[in-house]
Amino acid sequence: MSVDTSDGGPEMDYPEHEKTYAGFIKVSIYSSVIILVILALMAAFLV
């Protein structure tokens, strides 16, 4: 994702924003997988 700031857009650290977003997505995916594993184990052993 690239952002064109040549038209007088705000000076921001877009590479850092993209890095943060990528980290957020990675943590979200890992969290979802862990929750799904926990739910599967609960279904297998508690039901």
N, C-alpha and C. Protein backbone atom coordinates (compact mmCIF):
# COMPACT_ATOMS: atom_id res chain seq x y z
N MET A 1 0.85 -1.17 0.00
CA MET A 1 0.00 0.00 0.00
C MET A 1 0.89 1.23 0.00
N SER A 2 0.73 2.08 -0.98
CA SER A 2 1.52 3.30 -1.01
C SER A 2 0.58 4.49 -0.98
N VAL A 3 1.05 5.56 -0.36
CA VAL A 3 0.26 6.77 -0.24
C VAL A 3 1.03 7.90 -0.88
N ASP A 4 0.38 8.63 -1.78
CA ASP A 4 1.02 9.75 -2.46
C ASP A 4 0.79 11.02 -1.66
N THR A 5 1.85 11.57 -1.10
CA THR A 5 1.73 12.80 -0.32
C THR A 5 2.25 14.01 -1.09
N SER A 6 2.39 13.90 -2.40
CA SER A 6 2.93 15.00 -3.19
C SER A 6 1.96 16.18 -3.31
N ASP A 7 0.68 15.96 -3.05
CA ASP A 7 -0.30 17.03 -3.16
C ASP A 7 -0.48 17.80 -1.86
N GLY A 8 0.49 17.79 -1.02
CA GLY A 8 0.42 18.55 0.22
C GLY A 8 -0.23 17.79 1.36
N GLY A 9 -0.22 16.48 1.28
CA GLY A 9 -0.77 15.67 2.36
C GLY A 9 0.10 15.78 3.60
N PRO A 10 -0.39 15.26 4.69
CA PRO A 10 0.37 15.37 5.95
C PRO A 10 1.66 14.56 5.90
N GLU A 11 2.66 15.09 6.53
CA GLU A 11 3.93 14.38 6.65
C GLU A 11 3.79 13.35 7.74
N MET A 12 3.70 12.10 7.35
CA MET A 12 3.53 11.03 8.32
C MET A 12 4.53 9.93 7.99
N ASP A 13 4.75 9.10 8.95
CA ASP A 13 5.69 8.00 8.79
C ASP A 13 4.92 6.77 8.29
N TYR A 14 4.59 6.77 6.99
CA TYR A 14 3.77 5.71 6.44
C TYR A 14 4.40 4.33 6.53
N PRO A 15 5.70 4.17 6.34
CA PRO A 15 6.27 2.82 6.52
C PRO A 15 6.04 2.27 7.93
N GLU A 16 6.11 3.14 8.92
CA GLU A 16 5.86 2.71 10.31
C GLU A 16 4.39 2.35 10.50
N HIS A 17 3.51 3.10 9.88
CA HIS A 17 2.08 2.78 9.95
C HIS A 17 1.81 1.41 9.33
N GLU A 18 2.41 1.15 8.17
CA GLU A 18 2.22 -0.13 7.49
C GLU A 18 2.79 -1.27 8.31
N LYS A 19 3.92 -1.03 8.96
CA LYS A 19 4.53 -2.05 9.81
C LYS A 19 3.62 -2.36 11.00
N THR A 20 3.05 -1.32 11.59
CA THR A 20 2.13 -1.51 12.72
C THR A 20 0.89 -2.27 12.30
N TYR A 21 0.35 -1.93 11.13
CA TYR A 21 -0.85 -2.60 10.62
C TYR A 21 -0.55 -4.08 10.35
N ALA A 22 0.60 -4.36 9.76
CA ALA A 22 0.98 -5.76 9.50
C ALA A 22 1.10 -6.53 10.81
N GLY A 23 1.65 -5.91 11.83
CA GLY A 23 1.74 -6.54 13.14
C GLY A 23 0.38 -6.80 13.75
N PHE A 24 -0.53 -5.85 13.59
CA PHE A 24 -1.89 -6.01 14.09
C PHE A 24 -2.59 -7.19 13.41
N ILE A 25 -2.44 -7.28 12.10
CA ILE A 25 -3.06 -8.38 11.36
C ILE A 25 -2.48 -9.71 11.81
N LYS A 26 -1.16 -9.76 11.99
CA LYS A 26 -0.51 -11.00 12.41
C LYS A 26 -1.02 -11.44 13.79
N VAL A 27 -1.10 -10.52 14.73
CA VAL A 27 -1.59 -10.84 16.08
C VAL A 27 -3.05 -11.27 16.02
N SER A 28 -3.84 -10.63 15.19
CA SER A 28 -5.25 -11.00 15.05
C SER A 28 -5.39 -12.42 14.53
N ILE A 29 -4.61 -12.78 13.54
CA ILE A 29 -4.67 -14.13 12.98
C ILE A 29 -4.23 -15.16 14.01
N TYR A 30 -3.11 -14.91 14.69
CA TYR A 30 -2.64 -15.85 15.71
C TYR A 30 -3.66 -16.01 16.83
N SER A 31 -4.26 -14.91 17.25
CA SER A 31 -5.26 -14.96 18.31
C SER A 31 -6.46 -15.78 17.88
N SER A 32 -6.91 -15.58 16.66
CA SER A 32 -8.05 -16.34 16.15
C SER A 32 -7.75 -17.83 16.10
N VAL A 33 -6.57 -18.18 15.66
CA VAL A 33 -6.18 -19.60 15.60
C VAL A 33 -6.14 -20.20 17.00
N ILE A 34 -5.57 -19.49 17.94
CA ILE A 34 -5.49 -20.00 19.32
C ILE A 34 -6.88 -20.19 19.90
N ILE A 35 -7.78 -19.23 19.66
CA ILE A 35 -9.14 -19.35 20.17
C ILE A 35 -9.85 -20.54 19.54
N LEU A 36 -9.66 -20.74 18.23
CA LEU A 36 -10.28 -21.89 17.56
C LEU A 36 -9.75 -23.22 18.12
N VAL A 37 -8.46 -23.29 18.40
CA VAL A 37 -7.89 -24.50 18.99
C VAL A 37 -8.48 -24.75 20.37
N ILE A 38 -8.58 -23.71 21.18
CA ILE A 38 -9.16 -23.86 22.52
C ILE A 38 -10.60 -24.33 22.43
N LEU A 39 -11.38 -23.75 21.53
CA LEU A 39 -12.77 -24.17 21.36
C LEU A 39 -12.87 -25.62 20.88
N ALA A 40 -12.00 -26.01 19.98
CA ALA A 40 -12.00 -27.41 19.50
C ALA A 40 -11.66 -28.36 20.62
N LEU A 41 -10.68 -28.01 21.44
CA LEU A 41 -10.31 -28.87 22.56
C LEU A 41 -11.44 -28.93 23.59
N MET A 42 -12.10 -27.81 23.82
CA MET A 42 -13.24 -27.81 24.75
C MET A 42 -14.36 -28.69 24.22
N ALA A 43 -14.62 -28.63 22.92
CA ALA A 43 -15.68 -29.45 22.33
C ALA A 43 -15.32 -30.93 22.43
N ALA A 44 -14.05 -31.25 22.27
CA ALA A 44 -13.62 -32.65 22.31
C ALA A 44 -13.64 -33.23 23.72
N PHE A 45 -13.24 -32.44 24.70
CA PHE A 45 -13.05 -33.00 26.04
C PHE A 45 -14.16 -32.67 27.04
N LEU A 46 -14.96 -31.66 26.76
CA LEU A 46 -15.99 -31.27 27.73
C LEU A 46 -17.39 -31.71 27.33
N VAL A 47 -17.56 -32.14 26.10
CA VAL A 47 -18.90 -32.54 25.66
C VAL A 47 -19.00 -34.04 25.61
